[in-house]
Amino acid sequence: MPNVKIPDWEVLYQEQDTGWDRGEVSPALHSFINKGAFKNTKTVLIPGCGRGYEVVELARHGFEVTALDLAPSAIEHLNQELKRAGVTAHTTCVNIFDYHAPQSFDVVYEQTCLCAIAPSEREKYAKAVYSWLKPSGKLLLNLMQTGDAGGPPFHCDFMDAKQLFPSKLWHWQEEPPFMTGRGKDRISPRFELGFILEKKI
């Protein structure tokens, strides 16, 4: 996909041009929780966390959450919400490709980061995710389905994801994925497919 232009996310936050922001916790998180995806989990990493509704929710559940985003406004908002909720998390304003994890994590929760980066960077991102996880750690993966050629958000179908996260490195759940709709108070053709992957040792 040549000549992909990625927006300046910080500018969009400052201009309140945040159409991707639900304003609340994604239903996908509750689906993963209900499926037991966080069982035996202590540490969670959320790359590209945005305003971090899921960060606050997981912190409320008692998890040790690390949240990354390159937009200062997003991290500032998240820090305010954490304080308001009376919970804590490790928040870092950083480009995900410059992040050096001080520890390995039990879970990487992938909400919208993959659909926001240039498709040419997906392989680098997949390698980073693998390096962030402990052996047998879980990747909770939401694949954005847009049906469009451009982006962001960039469409990522199942077969592309299987190449990014190959079976020699990952165990994919056997049950069908669950679907999370996009758009609030309006009909949207976009949706996300949720998968649970386990890192092979």
C-alpha atoms as a PDB file:
ATOM      1  CA  MET A   1       0.000   0.000   0.000  1.00  0.00           C
ATOM      2  CA  PRO A   2       2.214   2.863  -1.281  1.00  0.00           C
ATOM      3  CA  ASN A   3       2.157   6.489  -0.135  1.00  0.00           C
ATOM      4  CA  VAL A   4       0.247   5.821   3.068  1.00  0.00           C
ATOM      5  CA  LYS A   5      -0.137   8.989   5.096  1.00  0.00           C
ATOM      6  CA  ILE A   6      -0.480   8.575   8.835  1.00  0.00           C
ATOM      7  CA  PRO A   7      -2.079  11.568  10.570  1.00  0.00           C
ATOM      8  CA  ASP A   8      -0.543  13.550  13.389  1.00  0.00           C
ATOM      9  CA  TRP A   9      -2.537  12.000  16.205  1.00  0.00           C
ATOM     10  CA  GLU A  10      -1.686  14.752  18.683  1.00  0.00           C
ATOM     11  CA  VAL A  11      -3.072  17.394  16.340  1.00  0.00           C
ATOM     12  CA  LEU A  12      -6.284  15.410  15.972  1.00  0.00           C
ATOM     13  CA  TYR A  13      -6.649  15.165  19.750  1.00  0.00           C
ATOM     14  CA  GLN A  14      -6.115  18.887  20.167  1.00  0.00           C
ATOM     15  CA  GLU A  15      -8.670  19.631  17.441  1.00  0.00           C
ATOM     16  CA  GLN A  16     -11.137  17.163  19.025  1.00  0.00           C
ATOM     17  CA  ASP A  17     -11.194  15.283  15.709  1.00  0.00           C
ATOM     18  CA  THR A  18     -11.360  11.869  17.370  1.00  0.00           C
ATOM     19  CA  GLY A  19     -13.999   9.903  15.516  1.00  0.00           C
ATOM     20  CA  TRP A  20     -12.354   6.636  16.526  1.00  0.00           C
ATOM     21  CA  ASP A  21     -12.870   7.378  20.231  1.00  0.00           C
ATOM     22  CA  ARG A  22     -15.901   5.532  21.674  1.00  0.00           C
ATOM     23  CA  GLY A  23     -15.927   7.637  24.810  1.00  0.00           C
ATOM     24  CA  GLU A  24     -16.223   4.456  26.865  1.00  0.00           C
ATOM     25  CA  VAL A  25     -14.764   0.989  27.348  1.00  0.00           C
ATOM     26  CA  SER A  26     -14.920  -1.150  24.222  1.00  0.00           C
ATOM     27  CA  PRO A  27     -17.394  -4.045  24.475  1.00  0.00           C
ATOM     28  CA  ALA A  28     -14.530  -6.203  23.183  1.00  0.00           C
ATOM     29  CA  LEU A  29     -12.811  -5.945  26.557  1.00  0.00           C
ATOM     30  CA  HIS A  30     -15.844  -7.363  28.348  1.00  0.00           C
ATOM     31  CA  SER A  31     -16.015 -10.159  25.775  1.00  0.00           C
ATOM     32  CA  PHE A  32     -12.409 -11.105  26.487  1.00  0.00           C
ATOM     33  CA  ILE A  33     -13.019 -10.963  30.233  1.00  0.00           C
ATOM     34  CA  ASN A  34     -16.119 -13.170  29.920  1.00  0.00           C
ATOM     35  CA  LYS A  35     -14.140 -15.688  27.861  1.00  0.00           C
ATOM     36  CA  GLY A  36     -11.584 -16.011  30.674  1.00  0.00           C
ATOM     37  CA  ALA A  37      -8.784 -14.473  28.624  1.00  0.00           C
ATOM     38  CA  PHE A  38      -7.397 -12.697  31.703  1.00  0.00           C
ATOM     39  CA  LYS A  39      -7.305 -15.795  33.878  1.00  0.00           C
ATOM     40  CA  ASN A  40      -3.999 -16.107  35.776  1.00  0.00           C
ATOM     41  CA  THR A  41      -3.019 -12.646  34.549  1.00  0.00           C
ATOM     42  CA  LYS A  42      -1.133 -10.034  36.546  1.00  0.00           C
ATOM     43  CA  THR A  43       0.513  -7.736  33.992  1.00  0.00           C
ATOM     44  CA  VAL A  44      -1.142  -6.227  30.903  1.00  0.00           C
ATOM     45  CA  LEU A  45       0.336  -4.048  28.155  1.00  0.00           C
ATOM     46  CA  ILE A  46      -1.900  -1.855  25.988  1.00  0.00           C
ATOM     47  CA  PRO A  47      -0.047  -0.289  23.027  1.00  0.00           C
ATOM     48  CA  GLY A  48      -1.741   2.638  21.304  1.00  0.00           C
ATOM     49  CA  CYS A  49      -4.080   3.029  24.283  1.00  0.00           C
ATOM     50  CA  GLY A  50      -5.597   6.374  23.255  1.00  0.00           C
ATOM     51  CA  ARG A  51      -7.571   7.937  26.077  1.00  0.00           C
ATOM     52  CA  GLY A  52      -7.333   4.626  27.864  1.00  0.00           C
ATOM     53  CA  TYR A  53     -10.840   3.630  28.911  1.00  0.00           C
ATOM     54  CA  GLU A  54      -9.704  -0.002  28.917  1.00  0.00           C
ATOM     55  CA  VAL A  55      -6.636   0.910  30.980  1.00  0.00           C
ATOM     56  CA  VAL A  56      -8.807   2.348  33.746  1.00  0.00           C
ATOM     57  CA  GLU A  57     -11.201  -0.605  33.614  1.00  0.00           C
ATOM     58  CA  LEU A  58      -8.437  -3.194  33.880  1.00  0.00           C
ATOM     59  CA  ALA A  59      -6.792  -1.246  36.691  1.00  0.00           C
ATOM     60  CA  ARG A  60     -10.131  -1.351  38.503  1.00  0.00           C
ATOM     61  CA  HIS A  61     -10.024  -5.130  38.131  1.00  0.00           C
ATOM     62  CA  GLY A  62      -6.681  -5.152  39.943  1.00  0.00           C
ATOM     63  CA  PHE A  63      -4.344  -5.756  37.020  1.00  0.00           C
ATOM     64  CA  GLU A  64      -0.937  -4.091  36.731  1.00  0.00           C
ATOM     65  CA  VAL A  65      -1.436  -2.195  33.472  1.00  0.00           C
ATOM     66  CA  THR A  66       1.142  -0.492  31.271  1.00  0.00           C
ATOM     67  CA  ALA A  67      -0.263   1.880  28.653  1.00  0.00           C
ATOM     68  CA  LEU A  68       1.538   3.399  25.654  1.00  0.00           C
ATOM     69  CA  ASP A  69       0.544   6.166  23.270  1.00  0.00           C
ATOM     70  CA  LEU A  70       2.496   8.704  21.235  1.00  0.00           C
ATOM     71  CA  ALA A  71      -0.040  11.521  21.693  1.00  0.00           C
ATOM     72  CA  PRO A  72       0.654  13.582  24.846  1.00  0.00           C
ATOM     73  CA  SER A  73      -2.978  14.712  25.027  1.00  0.00           C
ATOM     74  CA  ALA A  74      -4.177  11.095  25.154  1.00  0.00           C
ATOM     75  CA  ILE A  75      -1.782  10.194  27.963  1.00  0.00           C
ATOM     76  CA  GLU A  76      -2.644  13.369  29.877  1.00  0.00           C
ATOM     77  CA  HIS A  77      -6.357  12.540  29.665  1.00  0.00           C
ATOM     78  CA  LEU A  78      -5.679   8.968  30.781  1.00  0.00           C
ATOM     79  CA  ASN A  79      -3.647  10.114  33.786  1.00  0.00           C
ATOM     80  CA  GLN A  80      -6.513  12.387  34.840  1.00  0.00           C
ATOM     81  CA  GLU A  81      -9.030   9.547  34.537  1.00  0.00           C
ATOM     82  CA  LEU A  82      -6.821   7.187  36.531  1.00  0.00           C
ATOM     83  CA  LYS A  83      -6.578   9.765  39.301  1.00  0.00           C
ATOM     84  CA  ARG A  84     -10.331  10.361  39.196  1.00  0.00           C
ATOM     85  CA  ALA A  85     -10.984   6.624  39.453  1.00  0.00           C
ATOM     86  CA  GLY A  86      -8.520   6.205  42.319  1.00  0.00           C
ATOM     87  CA  VAL A  87      -6.452   3.572  40.499  1.00  0.00           C
ATOM     88  CA  THR A  88      -2.949   3.452  39.070  1.00  0.00           C
ATOM     89  CA  ALA A  89      -1.256   2.311  35.867  1.00  0.00           C
ATOM     90  CA  HIS A  90       2.105   2.803  34.204  1.00  0.00           C
ATOM     91  CA  THR A  91       1.599   5.330  31.408  1.00  0.00           C
ATOM     92  CA  THR A  92       4.229   6.289  28.848  1.00  0.00           C
ATOM     93  CA  CYS A  93       4.090   8.762  25.971  1.00  0.00           C
ATOM     94  CA  VAL A  94       6.191   6.982  23.365  1.00  0.00           C
ATOM     95  CA  ASN A  95       6.221   5.662  19.839  1.00  0.00           C
ATOM     96  CA  ILE A  96       5.573   1.945  20.254  1.00  0.00           C
ATOM     97  CA  PHE A  97       8.595   1.107  18.108  1.00  0.00           C
ATOM     98  CA  ASP A  98      10.826   3.017  20.525  1.00  0.00           C
ATOM     99  CA  TYR A  99       9.427   1.283  23.601  1.00  0.00           C
ATOM    100  CA  HIS A 100      11.800  -0.970  25.547  1.00  0.00           C
ATOM    101  CA  ALA A 101       9.794  -3.055  27.981  1.00  0.00           C
ATOM    102  CA  PRO A 102      11.391  -3.370  31.430  1.00  0.00           C
ATOM    103  CA  GLN A 103       9.593  -6.686  31.865  1.00  0.00           C
ATOM    104  CA  SER A 104       7.637  -9.279  29.920  1.00  0.00           C
ATOM    105  CA  PHE A 105       3.854  -9.239  30.152  1.00  0.00           C
ATOM    106  CA  ASP A 106       1.164 -11.847  30.710  1.00  0.00           C
ATOM    107  CA  VAL A 107      -1.203 -10.187  28.226  1.00  0.00           C
ATOM    108  CA  VAL A 108      -0.956  -7.717  25.366  1.00  0.00           C
ATOM    109  CA  TYR A 109      -4.352  -6.175  24.708  1.00  0.00           C
ATOM    110  CA  GLU A 110      -4.475  -5.044  21.081  1.00  0.00           C
ATOM    111  CA  GLN A 111      -7.448  -2.747  20.629  1.00  0.00           C
ATOM    112  CA  THR A 112      -6.790  -0.352  17.750  1.00  0.00           C
ATOM    113  CA  CYS A 113      -3.027  -0.049  17.375  1.00  0.00           C
ATOM    114  CA  LEU A 114      -2.661  -2.459  14.448  1.00  0.00           C
ATOM    115  CA  CYS A 115      -5.269  -0.612  12.386  1.00  0.00           C
ATOM    116  CA  ALA A 116      -3.639   2.757  13.081  1.00  0.00           C
ATOM    117  CA  ILE A 117      -0.085   2.052  11.946  1.00  0.00           C
ATOM    118  CA  ALA A 118       1.014   1.862   8.321  1.00  0.00           C
ATOM    119  CA  PRO A 119       0.546  -1.653   6.871  1.00  0.00           C
ATOM    120  CA  SER A 120       4.254  -1.611   5.971  1.00  0.00           C
ATOM    121  CA  GLU A 121       5.030  -1.578   9.713  1.00  0.00           C
ATOM    122  CA  ARG A 122       2.827  -4.501  10.648  1.00  0.00           C
ATOM    123  CA  GLU A 123       5.579  -7.126  10.609  1.00  0.00           C
ATOM    124  CA  LYS A 124       7.735  -4.963  12.871  1.00  0.00           C
ATOM    125  CA  TYR A 125       4.767  -4.515  15.175  1.00  0.00           C
ATOM    126  CA  ALA A 126       4.058  -8.262  15.290  1.00  0.00           C
ATOM    127  CA  LYS A 127       7.677  -8.919  16.272  1.00  0.00           C
ATOM    128  CA  ALA A 128       7.439  -6.292  18.997  1.00  0.00           C
ATOM    129  CA  VAL A 129       4.256  -7.845  20.393  1.00  0.00           C
ATOM    130  CA  TYR A 130       5.931 -11.261  20.479  1.00  0.00           C
ATOM    131  CA  SER A 131       8.944  -9.809  22.335  1.00  0.00           C
ATOM    132  CA  TRP A 132       6.733  -8.089  24.910  1.00  0.00           C
ATOM    133  CA  LEU A 133       5.010 -11.295  26.016  1.00  0.00           C
ATOM    134  CA  LYS A 134       6.102 -13.979  28.418  1.00  0.00           C
ATOM    135  CA  PRO A 135       6.192 -17.577  27.159  1.00  0.00           C
ATOM    136  CA  SER A 136       2.552 -18.730  26.966  1.00  0.00           C
ATOM    137  CA  GLY A 137       1.457 -15.096  27.261  1.00  0.00           C
ATOM    138  CA  LYS A 138      -1.719 -14.066  25.481  1.00  0.00           C
ATOM    139  CA  LEU A 139      -2.366 -11.611  22.699  1.00  0.00           C
ATOM    140  CA  LEU A 140      -5.952 -10.368  22.740  1.00  0.00           C
ATOM    141  CA  LEU A 141      -6.325  -9.275  19.149  1.00  0.00           C
ATOM    142  CA  ASN A 142      -9.004  -7.085  17.627  1.00  0.00           C
ATOM    143  CA  LEU A 143      -8.879  -6.967  13.823  1.00  0.00           C
ATOM    144  CA  MET A 144     -10.517  -3.932  12.260  1.00  0.00           C
ATOM    145  CA  GLN A 145     -12.779  -4.809   9.335  1.00  0.00           C
ATOM    146  CA  THR A 146     -13.484  -1.813   7.103  1.00  0.00           C
ATOM    147  CA  GLY A 147     -13.728  -3.270   3.614  1.00  0.00           C
ATOM    148  CA  ASP A 148     -11.796  -0.205   2.414  1.00  0.00           C
ATOM    149  CA  ALA A 149      -8.406  -0.058   0.712  1.00  0.00           C
ATOM    150  CA  GLY A 150      -7.199   3.030   2.568  1.00  0.00           C
ATOM    151  CA  GLY A 151      -6.962   4.183   6.131  1.00  0.00           C
ATOM    152  CA  PRO A 152      -6.428   4.637   8.940  1.00  0.00           C
ATOM    153  CA  PRO A 153      -8.168   2.680  10.196  1.00  0.00           C
ATOM    154  CA  PHE A 154      -6.588   0.046   7.979  1.00  0.00           C
ATOM    155  CA  HIS A 155      -8.468  -3.149   7.216  1.00  0.00           C
ATOM    156  CA  CYS A 156      -6.782  -6.374   8.355  1.00  0.00           C
ATOM    157  CA  ASP A 157      -8.427  -9.602   7.304  1.00  0.00           C
ATOM    158  CA  PHE A 158      -7.997 -12.995   8.895  1.00  0.00           C
ATOM    159  CA  MET A 159      -5.535 -14.388   6.357  1.00  0.00           C
ATOM    160  CA  ASP A 160      -3.282 -11.339   6.659  1.00  0.00           C
ATOM    161  CA  ALA A 161      -3.337 -11.725  10.430  1.00  0.00           C
ATOM    162  CA  LYS A 162      -2.451 -15.420  10.171  1.00  0.00           C
ATOM    163  CA  GLN A 163       0.667 -14.429   8.248  1.00  0.00           C
ATOM    164  CA  LEU A 164       1.548 -11.730  10.746  1.00  0.00           C
ATOM    165  CA  PHE A 165       1.052 -14.066  13.699  1.00  0.00           C
ATOM    166  CA  PRO A 166       2.004 -17.489  12.238  1.00  0.00           C
ATOM    167  CA  SER A 167       1.138 -20.823  13.820  1.00  0.00           C
ATOM    168  CA  LYS A 168       4.824 -21.636  14.384  1.00  0.00           C
ATOM    169  CA  LEU A 169       4.907 -18.804  16.922  1.00  0.00           C
ATOM    170  CA  TRP A 170       1.287 -18.551  18.050  1.00  0.00           C
ATOM    171  CA  HIS A 171      -1.542 -20.830  19.052  1.00  0.00           C
ATOM    172  CA  TRP A 172      -4.830 -19.434  17.747  1.00  0.00           C
ATOM    173  CA  GLN A 173      -8.021 -20.129  19.660  1.00  0.00           C
ATOM    174  CA  GLU A 174     -10.125 -22.863  18.097  1.00  0.00           C
ATOM    175  CA  GLU A 175     -13.489 -21.189  18.668  1.00  0.00           C
ATOM    176  CA  PRO A 176     -14.847 -18.615  16.189  1.00  0.00           C
ATOM    177  CA  PRO A 177     -13.987 -14.959  16.778  1.00  0.00           C
ATOM    178  CA  PHE A 178     -16.487 -12.603  18.321  1.00  0.00           C
ATOM    179  CA  MET A 179     -17.621  -9.409  16.623  1.00  0.00           C
ATOM    180  CA  THR A 180     -17.620  -5.894  18.080  1.00  0.00           C
ATOM    181  CA  GLY A 181     -19.518  -3.212  16.200  1.00  0.00           C
ATOM    182  CA  ARG A 182     -18.126   0.236  15.541  1.00  0.00           C
ATOM    183  CA  GLY A 183     -19.995   3.503  15.633  1.00  0.00           C
ATOM    184  CA  LYS A 184     -22.021   4.963  18.472  1.00  0.00           C
ATOM    185  CA  ASP A 185     -25.673   5.920  17.977  1.00  0.00           C
ATOM    186  CA  ARG A 186     -25.229   5.358  14.264  1.00  0.00           C
ATOM    187  CA  ILE A 187     -24.978   2.492  11.831  1.00  0.00           C
ATOM    188  CA  SER A 188     -21.431   1.716  10.738  1.00  0.00           C
ATOM    189  CA  PRO A 189     -20.251  -0.962   8.299  1.00  0.00           C
ATOM    190  CA  ARG A 190     -17.030  -1.281  10.270  1.00  0.00           C
ATOM    191  CA  PHE A 191     -16.533  -3.883  12.962  1.00  0.00           C
ATOM    192  CA  GLU A 192     -13.778  -5.721  14.812  1.00  0.00           C
ATOM    193  CA  LEU A 193     -13.092  -9.446  15.045  1.00  0.00           C
ATOM    194  CA  GLY A 194     -11.721 -10.617  18.393  1.00  0.00           C
ATOM    195  CA  PHE A 195      -9.228 -13.477  18.726  1.00  0.00           C
ATOM    196  CA  ILE A 196      -7.239 -14.976  21.577  1.00  0.00           C
ATOM    197  CA  LEU A 197      -3.682 -16.016  20.683  1.00  0.00           C
ATOM    198  CA  GLU A 198      -1.141 -17.692  22.949  1.00  0.00           C
ATOM    199  CA  LYS A 199       2.566 -17.260  22.454  1.00  0.00           C
ATOM    200  CA  LYS A 200       4.357 -20.546  21.899  1.00  0.00           C
ATOM    201  CA  ILE A 201       7.504 -21.187  23.905  1.00  0.00           C
END
